[in-house]
N, C-alpha and C. Protein backbone atom coordinates (compact mmCIF):
# COMPACT_ATOMS: atom_id res chain seq x y z
N UNK A 1 0.85 -1.17 0.00
CA UNK A 1 0.00 0.00 0.00
C UNK A 1 0.90 1.24 0.00
N UNK A 2 0.54 2.20 -0.79
CA UNK A 2 1.28 3.46 -0.90
C UNK A 2 0.39 4.59 -0.43
N UNK A 3 0.92 5.45 0.43
CA UNK A 3 0.17 6.58 0.96
C UNK A 3 0.61 7.84 0.22
N UNK A 4 -0.30 8.46 -0.51
CA UNK A 4 0.00 9.68 -1.25
C UNK A 4 -0.29 10.88 -0.37
N UNK A 5 0.76 11.48 0.22
CA UNK A 5 0.59 12.60 1.15
C UNK A 5 0.00 13.83 0.48
N UNK A 6 0.18 13.99 -0.83
CA UNK A 6 -0.34 15.16 -1.53
C UNK A 6 -1.86 15.14 -1.64
N UNK A 7 -2.47 13.99 -1.48
CA UNK A 7 -3.92 13.91 -1.63
C UNK A 7 -4.68 14.38 -0.38
N UNK A 8 -3.97 14.60 0.71
CA UNK A 8 -4.61 15.07 1.93
C UNK A 8 -4.77 16.59 1.92
N UNK A 9 -5.86 17.07 2.50
CA UNK A 9 -6.09 18.52 2.60
C UNK A 9 -5.16 19.16 3.61
N UNK A 10 -4.77 18.43 4.62
CA UNK A 10 -3.90 18.96 5.65
C UNK A 10 -3.66 17.93 6.74
N UNK A 11 -2.66 18.21 7.56
CA UNK A 11 -2.31 17.34 8.67
C UNK A 11 -2.46 18.11 9.96
N UNK A 12 -3.00 17.46 10.97
CA UNK A 12 -3.08 18.06 12.29
C UNK A 12 -2.39 17.15 13.29
N UNK A 13 -1.67 17.77 14.19
CA UNK A 13 -1.12 17.06 15.35
C UNK A 13 -1.73 17.78 16.54
N UNK A 14 -2.71 17.12 17.15
CA UNK A 14 -3.61 17.79 18.09
C UNK A 14 -4.27 18.95 17.34
N UNK A 15 -4.14 20.20 17.81
CA UNK A 15 -4.77 21.33 17.13
C UNK A 15 -3.82 22.10 16.23
N UNK A 16 -2.57 21.67 16.15
CA UNK A 16 -1.57 22.37 15.34
C UNK A 16 -1.49 21.75 13.95
N UNK A 17 -1.54 22.63 12.95
CA UNK A 17 -1.39 22.16 11.57
C UNK A 17 0.06 21.79 11.30
N UNK A 18 0.25 20.69 10.64
CA UNK A 18 1.59 20.24 10.22
C UNK A 18 1.70 20.56 8.73
N UNK A 19 2.73 21.33 8.34
CA UNK A 19 2.87 21.70 6.94
C UNK A 19 3.91 20.81 6.25
N UNK A 20 3.76 20.67 4.96
CA UNK A 20 4.67 19.94 4.06
C UNK A 20 4.55 18.43 4.25
N UNK A 21 4.82 17.92 5.45
CA UNK A 21 4.73 16.48 5.72
C UNK A 21 4.82 16.26 7.23
N UNK A 22 4.40 15.08 7.71
CA UNK A 22 4.53 14.80 9.13
C UNK A 22 6.00 14.78 9.55
N UNK A 23 6.27 15.11 10.80
CA UNK A 23 7.64 15.13 11.29
C UNK A 23 8.23 13.73 11.40
N UNK A 24 9.50 13.64 11.11
CA UNK A 24 10.29 12.43 11.25
C UNK A 24 10.90 12.46 12.65
N UNK A 25 10.68 11.48 13.48
CA UNK A 25 11.22 11.53 14.85
C UNK A 25 12.75 11.50 14.90
N UNK A 26 13.40 11.17 13.80
CA UNK A 26 14.86 11.12 13.77
C UNK A 26 15.48 12.33 13.08
N UNK A 27 14.66 13.32 12.78
CA UNK A 27 15.11 14.54 12.11
C UNK A 27 15.08 15.67 13.12
N UNK A 28 16.15 16.48 13.13
CA UNK A 28 16.17 17.59 14.07
C UNK A 28 16.84 18.81 13.47
N UNK A 29 16.56 19.93 14.11
CA UNK A 29 17.16 21.20 13.74
C UNK A 29 17.74 21.83 14.99
N UNK A 30 18.97 22.30 14.88
CA UNK A 30 19.61 23.05 15.95
C UNK A 30 20.07 24.38 15.37
N UNK A 31 19.80 25.47 16.05
CA UNK A 31 20.17 26.81 15.60
C UNK A 31 21.10 27.41 16.63
N UNK A 32 22.25 27.92 16.15
CA UNK A 32 23.25 28.49 17.05
C UNK A 32 23.74 29.83 16.51
N UNK A 33 23.76 30.83 17.38
CA UNK A 33 24.38 32.12 17.03
C UNK A 33 25.88 31.91 17.01
N UNK A 34 26.58 32.64 16.16
CA UNK A 34 28.03 32.49 16.04
C UNK A 34 28.68 33.85 15.83
N UNK A 35 29.95 33.93 16.19
CA UNK A 35 30.73 35.14 15.90
C UNK A 35 31.80 34.84 14.85
N UNK A 36 31.69 33.70 14.19
CA UNK A 36 32.62 33.38 13.11
C UNK A 36 32.41 34.35 11.95
N UNK A 37 33.47 34.60 11.24
CA UNK A 37 33.39 35.46 10.06
C UNK A 37 33.04 34.58 8.87
N UNK A 38 31.94 34.91 8.19
CA UNK A 38 31.47 34.13 7.05
C UNK A 38 31.41 35.04 5.83
N UNK A 39 31.97 34.55 4.72
CA UNK A 39 31.92 35.29 3.45
C UNK A 39 31.31 34.36 2.41
N UNK A 40 30.32 34.88 1.69
CA UNK A 40 29.64 34.13 0.63
C UNK A 40 30.07 34.73 -0.70
N UNK A 41 30.57 33.88 -1.60
CA UNK A 41 31.04 34.34 -2.91
C UNK A 41 30.47 33.46 -4.02
N UNK A 42 30.39 34.03 -5.20
CA UNK A 42 30.10 33.25 -6.40
C UNK A 42 30.91 33.87 -7.53
N UNK A 43 31.62 33.05 -8.25
CA UNK A 43 32.50 33.49 -9.33
C UNK A 43 33.44 34.62 -8.88
N UNK A 44 33.93 34.53 -7.64
CA UNK A 44 34.87 35.51 -7.13
C UNK A 44 34.26 36.80 -6.63
N UNK A 45 32.94 36.98 -6.78
CA UNK A 45 32.28 38.19 -6.30
C UNK A 45 31.67 37.93 -4.92
N UNK A 46 31.91 38.84 -3.99
CA UNK A 46 31.37 38.70 -2.64
C UNK A 46 29.90 39.10 -2.64
N UNK A 47 29.06 38.18 -2.19
CA UNK A 47 27.63 38.43 -2.10
C UNK A 47 27.24 38.92 -0.71
N UNK A 48 27.94 38.39 0.28
CA UNK A 48 27.63 38.73 1.66
C UNK A 48 28.85 38.47 2.54
N UNK A 49 28.90 39.22 3.63
CA UNK A 49 30.00 39.03 4.58
C UNK A 49 29.47 39.41 5.95
N UNK A 50 29.69 38.53 6.94
CA UNK A 50 29.11 38.77 8.25
C UNK A 50 29.97 38.16 9.35
N UNK A 51 29.97 38.82 10.49
CA UNK A 51 30.60 38.29 11.70
C UNK A 51 29.53 37.94 12.73
N UNK A 52 28.29 37.83 12.25
CA UNK A 52 27.19 37.48 13.14
C UNK A 52 26.21 36.51 12.47
N UNK A 53 26.75 35.42 11.93
CA UNK A 53 25.86 34.45 11.29
C UNK A 53 25.08 33.66 12.34
N UNK A 54 23.98 33.12 11.89
CA UNK A 54 23.23 32.15 12.69
C UNK A 54 23.38 30.84 11.92
N UNK A 55 23.92 29.84 12.59
CA UNK A 55 24.18 28.56 11.93
C UNK A 55 23.01 27.62 12.21
N UNK A 56 22.50 27.02 11.14
CA UNK A 56 21.39 26.08 11.28
C UNK A 56 21.88 24.70 10.88
N UNK A 57 21.84 23.79 11.82
CA UNK A 57 22.24 22.40 11.62
C UNK A 57 20.98 21.57 11.49
N UNK A 58 20.82 20.90 10.35
CA UNK A 58 19.63 20.08 10.11
C UNK A 58 20.05 18.70 9.64
N UNK A 59 19.43 17.70 10.18
CA UNK A 59 19.76 16.31 9.86
C UNK A 59 19.86 16.10 8.35
N UNK A 60 20.97 15.53 7.93
CA UNK A 60 21.25 15.14 6.54
C UNK A 60 21.45 16.30 5.58
N UNK A 61 21.54 17.55 6.07
CA UNK A 61 21.79 18.70 5.20
C UNK A 61 23.06 19.40 5.65
N UNK A 62 23.71 20.13 4.72
CA UNK A 62 24.89 20.89 5.14
C UNK A 62 24.50 22.01 6.08
N UNK A 63 25.42 22.46 6.90
CA UNK A 63 25.18 23.60 7.77
C UNK A 63 24.79 24.79 6.92
N UNK A 64 23.71 25.46 7.28
CA UNK A 64 23.27 26.65 6.56
C UNK A 64 23.64 27.87 7.40
N UNK A 65 24.15 28.88 6.74
CA UNK A 65 24.54 30.12 7.40
C UNK A 65 23.50 31.18 7.07
N UNK A 66 22.73 31.58 8.06
CA UNK A 66 21.71 32.61 7.90
C UNK A 66 22.33 33.94 8.33
N UNK A 67 22.26 34.94 7.46
CA UNK A 67 22.91 36.22 7.70
C UNK A 67 21.90 37.36 7.76
N UNK A 68 22.21 38.38 8.56
CA UNK A 68 21.34 39.56 8.58
C UNK A 68 21.32 40.23 7.20
N UNK A 69 20.19 40.78 6.81
CA UNK A 69 20.06 41.44 5.50
C UNK A 69 21.07 42.57 5.33
N UNK A 70 21.41 43.25 6.42
CA UNK A 70 22.36 44.36 6.34
C UNK A 70 23.75 43.89 5.90
N UNK A 71 24.02 42.59 6.03
CA UNK A 71 25.33 42.05 5.66
C UNK A 71 25.36 41.49 4.23
N UNK A 72 24.26 41.63 3.52
CA UNK A 72 24.19 41.19 2.12
C UNK A 72 24.65 42.35 1.25
N UNK A 73 25.59 42.10 0.33
CA UNK A 73 26.17 43.17 -0.49
C UNK A 73 25.54 43.33 -1.87
N UNK A 74 24.74 42.36 -2.27
CA UNK A 74 24.12 42.43 -3.60
C UNK A 74 22.62 42.62 -3.45
N UNK A 75 22.02 43.15 -4.51
CA UNK A 75 20.58 43.31 -4.49
C UNK A 75 19.92 41.93 -4.62
N UNK A 76 18.92 41.70 -3.79
CA UNK A 76 18.20 40.43 -3.82
C UNK A 76 16.82 40.67 -4.42
N UNK A 77 16.65 40.28 -5.66
CA UNK A 77 15.35 40.43 -6.32
C UNK A 77 14.42 39.31 -5.86
N UNK A 78 13.23 39.67 -5.37
CA UNK A 78 12.29 38.63 -4.94
C UNK A 78 11.93 37.70 -6.09
N UNK A 79 11.79 36.44 -5.78
CA UNK A 79 11.40 35.42 -6.74
C UNK A 79 9.96 35.01 -6.46
N UNK A 80 9.34 34.36 -7.41
CA UNK A 80 7.99 33.82 -7.20
C UNK A 80 8.03 32.48 -6.47
N UNK A 81 9.22 31.92 -6.30
CA UNK A 81 9.35 30.60 -5.69
C UNK A 81 9.08 30.66 -4.19
N UNK A 82 8.28 29.73 -3.74
CA UNK A 82 7.96 29.56 -2.32
C UNK A 82 8.00 28.08 -2.02
N UNK A 83 8.61 27.71 -0.90
CA UNK A 83 8.60 26.31 -0.47
C UNK A 83 8.21 26.25 1.00
N UNK A 84 7.81 25.08 1.42
CA UNK A 84 7.47 24.85 2.82
C UNK A 84 8.37 23.78 3.39
N UNK A 85 8.84 24.01 4.59
CA UNK A 85 9.60 23.02 5.34
C UNK A 85 8.77 22.68 6.58
N UNK A 86 8.59 21.43 6.85
CA UNK A 86 7.79 21.00 8.00
C UNK A 86 8.42 21.40 9.33
N UNK A 87 9.68 21.80 9.29
CA UNK A 87 10.39 22.16 10.52
C UNK A 87 10.60 23.67 10.66
N UNK A 88 10.91 24.33 9.54
CA UNK A 88 11.23 25.77 9.60
C UNK A 88 10.06 26.66 9.21
N UNK A 89 9.25 26.26 8.26
CA UNK A 89 8.13 27.07 7.81
C UNK A 89 8.21 27.42 6.34
N UNK A 90 7.58 28.56 5.96
CA UNK A 90 7.54 28.97 4.55
C UNK A 90 8.78 29.77 4.20
N UNK A 91 9.42 29.37 3.12
CA UNK A 91 10.61 30.07 2.62
C UNK A 91 10.25 30.83 1.35
N UNK A 92 10.72 32.08 1.28
CA UNK A 92 10.57 32.92 0.09
C UNK A 92 11.97 33.08 -0.50
N UNK A 93 12.08 33.03 -1.82
CA UNK A 93 13.38 32.99 -2.48
C UNK A 93 13.76 34.31 -3.13
N UNK A 94 15.06 34.46 -3.37
CA UNK A 94 15.63 35.64 -4.00
C UNK A 94 16.54 35.22 -5.14
N UNK A 95 16.64 36.09 -6.15
CA UNK A 95 17.51 35.85 -7.30
C UNK A 95 18.43 37.05 -7.47
N UNK A 96 19.65 36.99 -6.90
CA UNK A 96 20.58 38.11 -7.06
C UNK A 96 21.17 38.15 -8.47
N UNK A 97 21.52 39.36 -8.89
CA UNK A 97 22.24 39.51 -10.16
C UNK A 97 23.72 39.62 -9.81
N UNK A 98 24.50 38.71 -10.35
CA UNK A 98 25.93 38.64 -10.05
C UNK A 98 26.70 38.62 -11.36
N UNK A 99 27.57 39.60 -11.54
CA UNK A 99 28.34 39.66 -12.77
C UNK A 99 27.47 39.77 -13.99
N UNK A 100 26.35 40.50 -13.88
CA UNK A 100 25.45 40.69 -15.01
C UNK A 100 24.55 39.50 -15.30
N UNK A 101 24.63 38.47 -14.46
CA UNK A 101 23.84 37.26 -14.68
C UNK A 101 22.89 37.03 -13.50
N UNK A 102 21.63 36.79 -13.79
CA UNK A 102 20.65 36.52 -12.75
C UNK A 102 20.86 35.10 -12.23
N UNK A 103 21.03 34.97 -10.93
CA UNK A 103 21.20 33.66 -10.27
C UNK A 103 19.88 33.29 -9.62
N UNK A 104 19.06 32.59 -10.36
CA UNK A 104 17.70 32.27 -9.94
C UNK A 104 17.68 31.46 -8.65
N UNK A 105 16.90 31.96 -7.69
CA UNK A 105 16.64 31.25 -6.44
C UNK A 105 17.91 30.81 -5.72
N UNK A 106 18.88 31.69 -5.67
CA UNK A 106 20.16 31.37 -5.02
C UNK A 106 20.09 31.54 -3.51
N UNK A 107 19.14 32.34 -3.03
CA UNK A 107 19.04 32.63 -1.60
C UNK A 107 17.58 32.57 -1.17
N UNK A 108 17.38 32.47 0.13
CA UNK A 108 16.02 32.44 0.66
C UNK A 108 15.99 33.01 2.07
N UNK A 109 14.77 33.29 2.51
CA UNK A 109 14.52 33.71 3.88
C UNK A 109 13.31 32.94 4.39
N UNK A 110 13.27 32.71 5.68
CA UNK A 110 12.09 32.08 6.27
C UNK A 110 11.10 33.19 6.57
N UNK A 111 10.07 33.26 5.73
CA UNK A 111 9.11 34.37 5.78
C UNK A 111 7.99 34.13 6.79
N UNK A 112 7.58 32.89 6.95
CA UNK A 112 6.54 32.52 7.90
C UNK A 112 7.06 31.34 8.71
N UNK A 113 7.74 31.63 9.82
CA UNK A 113 8.40 30.54 10.55
C UNK A 113 7.45 29.71 11.40
N UNK A 114 7.80 28.45 11.53
CA UNK A 114 7.21 27.59 12.55
C UNK A 114 8.10 27.71 13.78
N UNK A 115 7.79 27.01 14.82
CA UNK A 115 8.55 27.14 16.08
C UNK A 115 10.05 26.97 15.88
N UNK A 116 10.47 25.94 15.14
CA UNK A 116 11.90 25.68 14.95
C UNK A 116 12.59 26.72 14.07
N UNK A 117 11.81 27.47 13.28
CA UNK A 117 12.40 28.44 12.35
C UNK A 117 12.42 29.87 12.86
N UNK A 118 11.89 30.11 14.03
CA UNK A 118 11.79 31.50 14.52
C UNK A 118 13.14 32.18 14.70
N UNK A 119 14.17 31.43 15.03
CA UNK A 119 15.48 32.04 15.26
C UNK A 119 16.15 32.52 13.97
N UNK A 120 15.67 32.08 12.82
CA UNK A 120 16.25 32.52 11.55
C UNK A 120 15.28 33.36 10.73
N UNK A 121 14.14 33.70 11.30
CA UNK A 121 13.14 34.50 10.61
C UNK A 121 13.76 35.81 10.11
N UNK A 122 13.57 36.09 8.81
CA UNK A 122 14.04 37.34 8.23
C UNK A 122 15.51 37.36 7.86
N UNK A 123 16.28 36.36 8.29
CA UNK A 123 17.69 36.28 7.89
C UNK A 123 17.77 35.64 6.51
N UNK A 124 18.92 35.76 5.85
CA UNK A 124 19.07 35.26 4.48
C UNK A 124 20.12 34.16 4.44
N UNK A 125 19.78 33.08 3.76
CA UNK A 125 20.71 31.97 3.55
C UNK A 125 20.91 31.76 2.06
N UNK A 126 22.08 31.26 1.71
CA UNK A 126 22.42 30.95 0.31
C UNK A 126 22.64 29.44 0.21
N UNK A 127 22.34 28.89 -0.97
CA UNK A 127 22.56 27.47 -1.19
C UNK A 127 24.06 27.17 -1.19
N UNK A 128 24.53 26.45 -0.16
CA UNK A 128 25.94 26.06 -0.06
C UNK A 128 26.42 25.39 -1.35
N UNK A 129 25.52 24.64 -1.96
CA UNK A 129 25.87 23.86 -3.14
C UNK A 129 26.12 24.72 -4.37
N UNK A 130 25.73 26.00 -4.32
CA UNK A 130 25.84 26.86 -5.50
C UNK A 130 26.71 28.09 -5.29
N UNK A 131 27.28 28.24 -4.10
CA UNK A 131 28.17 29.37 -3.79
C UNK A 131 29.41 28.83 -3.10
N UNK A 132 30.39 29.71 -2.94
CA UNK A 132 31.57 29.38 -2.13
C UNK A 132 31.38 30.07 -0.78
N UNK A 133 31.56 29.30 0.28
CA UNK A 133 31.42 29.83 1.63
C UNK A 133 32.77 29.71 2.34
N UNK A 134 33.26 30.84 2.81
CA UNK A 134 34.53 30.87 3.53
C UNK A 134 34.19 31.20 4.99
N UNK A 135 34.57 30.29 5.89
CA UNK A 135 34.29 30.46 7.31
C UNK A 135 35.60 30.52 8.06
N UNK A 136 35.80 31.60 8.83
CA UNK A 136 37.01 31.77 9.62
C UNK A 136 36.65 31.67 11.09
N UNK A 137 37.64 31.34 11.92
CA UNK A 137 37.41 31.31 13.36
C UNK A 137 37.12 32.72 13.86
N UNK A 138 36.41 32.77 14.96
CA UNK A 138 36.04 34.06 15.56
C UNK A 138 37.26 34.81 16.06
């Protein structure tokens, strides 16, 4: 038997709505403030630089560095892309222009956080897989 989660109107755990999918008991998120110096680059151009990142550790994913908007050096054009994470909440995406080229959905922010995502609400993260991240000791 196969259960098609998309066919359900919604999930409730007691009175709380569960978004995206039911929680996995072996999946966790830890959020830690840091004073490490983080620089985000693509093709040699600095997109962001911060000494106040918030590090998000999530099971089976690379560490994500969420940075204050004031530490972003490039313009972030809003994208139409929206995704939901059952742990963090609704993410809204950005497409920065770097070197004259639009980098579609390269960054995101948690726009509507769930409990686990409140510590990164409004901060900006970039896809580690598509940028170069340089992290130095504090």
